[in-house]
């Protein structure tokens, strides 16, 4: 788990949620060992994954520790509008301008 707030991202995230006090990641009794699902078996067609599950698989929720508390935030699953794409374009132009001027 990351110490301190994660860096800014071009991906929109939900508001951070406090998930409890920070745990010592070196303590073997407090580690998460994942799920115990069987591999190689496909889920029945009725159990199709939700859009949120697919998004979390592609862009996992970000977790961090700040002031002794653990926080988590997930990527937003919303439809983007023209204003979002314009803001993204401006952010990318801001990042790319210095790189382009260095190459010339």
C-alpha atoms as a PDB file:
ATOM      1  CA  UNK A   1       0.000   0.000   0.000  1.00  0.00           C
ATOM      2  CA  UNK A   2       1.288   3.437  -0.911  1.00  0.00           C
ATOM      3  CA  UNK A   3       2.301   5.908   1.796  1.00  0.00           C
ATOM      4  CA  UNK A   4       0.720   9.331   1.218  1.00  0.00           C
ATOM      5  CA  UNK A   5      -1.887  10.502  -1.270  1.00  0.00           C
ATOM      6  CA  UNK A   6      -1.430   9.111  -4.828  1.00  0.00           C
ATOM      7  CA  UNK A   7      -0.275  11.448  -7.564  1.00  0.00           C
ATOM      8  CA  UNK A   8      -2.759  13.149  -9.849  1.00  0.00           C
ATOM      9  CA  UNK A   9      -4.176  11.144 -12.719  1.00  0.00           C
ATOM     10  CA  UNK A  10      -6.005  11.876 -15.956  1.00  0.00           C
ATOM     11  CA  UNK A  11      -8.491   9.167 -14.936  1.00  0.00           C
ATOM     12  CA  UNK A  12     -11.439  10.482 -12.919  1.00  0.00           C
ATOM     13  CA  UNK A  13     -11.748   8.830  -9.495  1.00  0.00           C
ATOM     14  CA  UNK A  14     -14.496   8.831  -6.876  1.00  0.00           C
ATOM     15  CA  UNK A  15     -13.990  10.631  -3.576  1.00  0.00           C
ATOM     16  CA  UNK A  16     -11.603   8.775  -1.221  1.00  0.00           C
ATOM     17  CA  UNK A  17     -13.224   6.469   1.312  1.00  0.00           C
ATOM     18  CA  UNK A  18     -11.581   5.802   4.673  1.00  0.00           C
ATOM     19  CA  UNK A  19     -11.390   2.043   5.159  1.00  0.00           C
ATOM     20  CA  UNK A  20      -9.919   2.019   8.649  1.00  0.00           C
ATOM     21  CA  UNK A  21      -6.660   2.356  10.504  1.00  0.00           C
ATOM     22  CA  UNK A  22      -3.420   1.654   8.684  1.00  0.00           C
ATOM     23  CA  UNK A  23      -2.116  -1.892   9.034  1.00  0.00           C
ATOM     24  CA  UNK A  24       1.473  -3.038   9.182  1.00  0.00           C
ATOM     25  CA  UNK A  25       2.100  -4.672   5.779  1.00  0.00           C
ATOM     26  CA  UNK A  26       5.103  -6.561   7.138  1.00  0.00           C
ATOM     27  CA  UNK A  27       2.928  -8.481   9.619  1.00  0.00           C
ATOM     28  CA  UNK A  28       2.189 -11.842   7.915  1.00  0.00           C
ATOM     29  CA  UNK A  29      -1.105 -12.195   9.810  1.00  0.00           C
ATOM     30  CA  UNK A  30      -2.492  -8.936   8.418  1.00  0.00           C
ATOM     31  CA  UNK A  31      -1.680  -9.482   4.731  1.00  0.00           C
ATOM     32  CA  UNK A  32      -4.357 -10.092   2.140  1.00  0.00           C
ATOM     33  CA  UNK A  33      -3.816 -13.382   0.337  1.00  0.00           C
ATOM     34  CA  UNK A  34      -6.288 -12.793  -2.504  1.00  0.00           C
ATOM     35  CA  UNK A  35      -9.240 -14.941  -3.433  1.00  0.00           C
ATOM     36  CA  UNK A  36      -9.436 -18.678  -3.647  1.00  0.00           C
ATOM     37  CA  UNK A  37     -11.441 -18.962  -6.882  1.00  0.00           C
ATOM     38  CA  UNK A  38     -10.708 -21.940  -9.066  1.00  0.00           C
ATOM     39  CA  UNK A  39      -8.952 -21.052 -12.263  1.00  0.00           C
ATOM     40  CA  UNK A  40      -9.839 -22.564 -15.604  1.00  0.00           C
ATOM     41  CA  UNK A  41     -13.581 -22.578 -15.053  1.00  0.00           C
ATOM     42  CA  UNK A  42     -15.812 -20.090 -16.819  1.00  0.00           C
ATOM     43  CA  UNK A  43     -18.642 -18.405 -14.952  1.00  0.00           C
ATOM     44  CA  UNK A  44     -22.187 -19.222 -16.046  1.00  0.00           C
ATOM     45  CA  UNK A  45     -23.640 -16.799 -18.589  1.00  0.00           C
ATOM     46  CA  UNK A  46     -26.108 -15.497 -15.958  1.00  0.00           C
ATOM     47  CA  UNK A  47     -23.174 -14.332 -13.841  1.00  0.00           C
ATOM     48  CA  UNK A  48     -21.706 -11.934 -16.385  1.00  0.00           C
ATOM     49  CA  UNK A  49     -19.344  -9.439 -14.775  1.00  0.00           C
ATOM     50  CA  UNK A  50     -20.721  -5.989 -14.081  1.00  0.00           C
ATOM     51  CA  UNK A  51     -19.263  -2.909 -15.737  1.00  0.00           C
ATOM     52  CA  UNK A  52     -17.829  -1.865 -12.358  1.00  0.00           C
ATOM     53  CA  UNK A  53     -16.005  -5.211 -11.980  1.00  0.00           C
ATOM     54  CA  UNK A  54     -14.480  -4.907 -15.465  1.00  0.00           C
ATOM     55  CA  UNK A  55     -13.382  -1.331 -14.781  1.00  0.00           C
ATOM     56  CA  UNK A  56     -11.789  -2.371 -11.470  1.00  0.00           C
ATOM     57  CA  UNK A  57      -9.921  -5.164 -13.260  1.00  0.00           C
ATOM     58  CA  UNK A  58      -8.500  -2.710 -15.814  1.00  0.00           C
ATOM     59  CA  UNK A  59      -7.931   0.207 -13.415  1.00  0.00           C
ATOM     60  CA  UNK A  60      -7.681  -1.251  -9.889  1.00  0.00           C
ATOM     61  CA  UNK A  61      -8.800   0.942  -6.993  1.00  0.00           C
ATOM     62  CA  UNK A  62      -5.988   3.060  -5.553  1.00  0.00           C
ATOM     63  CA  UNK A  63      -5.147   2.465  -1.886  1.00  0.00           C
ATOM     64  CA  UNK A  64      -2.930   4.586   0.341  1.00  0.00           C
ATOM     65  CA  UNK A  65      -2.142   5.416   3.956  1.00  0.00           C
ATOM     66  CA  UNK A  66      -2.344   9.007   5.170  1.00  0.00           C
ATOM     67  CA  UNK A  67      -2.073  10.174   8.795  1.00  0.00           C
ATOM     68  CA  UNK A  68      -2.312   6.592  10.058  1.00  0.00           C
ATOM     69  CA  UNK A  69      -5.566   5.883   8.174  1.00  0.00           C
ATOM     70  CA  UNK A  70      -6.125   3.722   5.092  1.00  0.00           C
ATOM     71  CA  UNK A  71      -8.013   5.183   2.129  1.00  0.00           C
ATOM     72  CA  UNK A  72      -9.276   3.733  -1.164  1.00  0.00           C
ATOM     73  CA  UNK A  73     -10.707   5.326  -4.295  1.00  0.00           C
ATOM     74  CA  UNK A  74     -11.942   3.698  -7.504  1.00  0.00           C
ATOM     75  CA  UNK A  75     -12.060   4.973 -11.078  1.00  0.00           C
ATOM     76  CA  UNK A  76     -15.415   6.494 -12.001  1.00  0.00           C
ATOM     77  CA  UNK A  77     -17.651   4.597 -14.389  1.00  0.00           C
ATOM     78  CA  UNK A  78     -19.498   7.463 -16.002  1.00  0.00           C
ATOM     79  CA  UNK A  79     -20.193   8.533 -19.533  1.00  0.00           C
ATOM     80  CA  UNK A  80     -17.936  11.375 -20.552  1.00  0.00           C
ATOM     81  CA  UNK A  81     -19.253  14.530 -22.141  1.00  0.00           C
ATOM     82  CA  UNK A  82     -17.647  17.126 -24.384  1.00  0.00           C
ATOM     83  CA  UNK A  83     -16.442  19.144 -21.405  1.00  0.00           C
ATOM     84  CA  UNK A  84     -14.568  16.150 -20.023  1.00  0.00           C
ATOM     85  CA  UNK A  85     -12.836  15.509 -23.325  1.00  0.00           C
ATOM     86  CA  UNK A  86     -11.886  19.208 -23.646  1.00  0.00           C
ATOM     87  CA  UNK A  87     -10.393  19.189 -20.127  1.00  0.00           C
ATOM     88  CA  UNK A  88      -8.471  16.004 -20.948  1.00  0.00           C
ATOM     89  CA  UNK A  89      -7.187  17.582 -24.168  1.00  0.00           C
ATOM     90  CA  UNK A  90      -5.997  20.658 -22.257  1.00  0.00           C
ATOM     91  CA  UNK A  91      -4.293  18.494 -19.626  1.00  0.00           C
ATOM     92  CA  UNK A  92      -2.525  16.444 -22.297  1.00  0.00           C
ATOM     93  CA  UNK A  93      -1.454  19.597 -24.176  1.00  0.00           C
ATOM     94  CA  UNK A  94      -0.051  21.037 -20.938  1.00  0.00           C
ATOM     95  CA  UNK A  95       2.009  17.894 -20.356  1.00  0.00           C
ATOM     96  CA  UNK A  96       3.098  17.462 -23.973  1.00  0.00           C
ATOM     97  CA  UNK A  97       4.148  21.082 -24.711  1.00  0.00           C
ATOM     98  CA  UNK A  98       7.385  20.977 -22.666  1.00  0.00           C
ATOM     99  CA  UNK A  99       8.286  17.603 -24.180  1.00  0.00           C
ATOM    100  CA  UNK A 100       7.781  18.889 -27.739  1.00  0.00           C
ATOM    101  CA  UNK A 101       9.843  22.035 -27.101  1.00  0.00           C
ATOM    102  CA  UNK A 102      12.708  19.907 -25.673  1.00  0.00           C
ATOM    103  CA  UNK A 103      12.841  17.797 -28.826  1.00  0.00           C
ATOM    104  CA  UNK A 104      13.124  20.851 -31.131  1.00  0.00           C
END
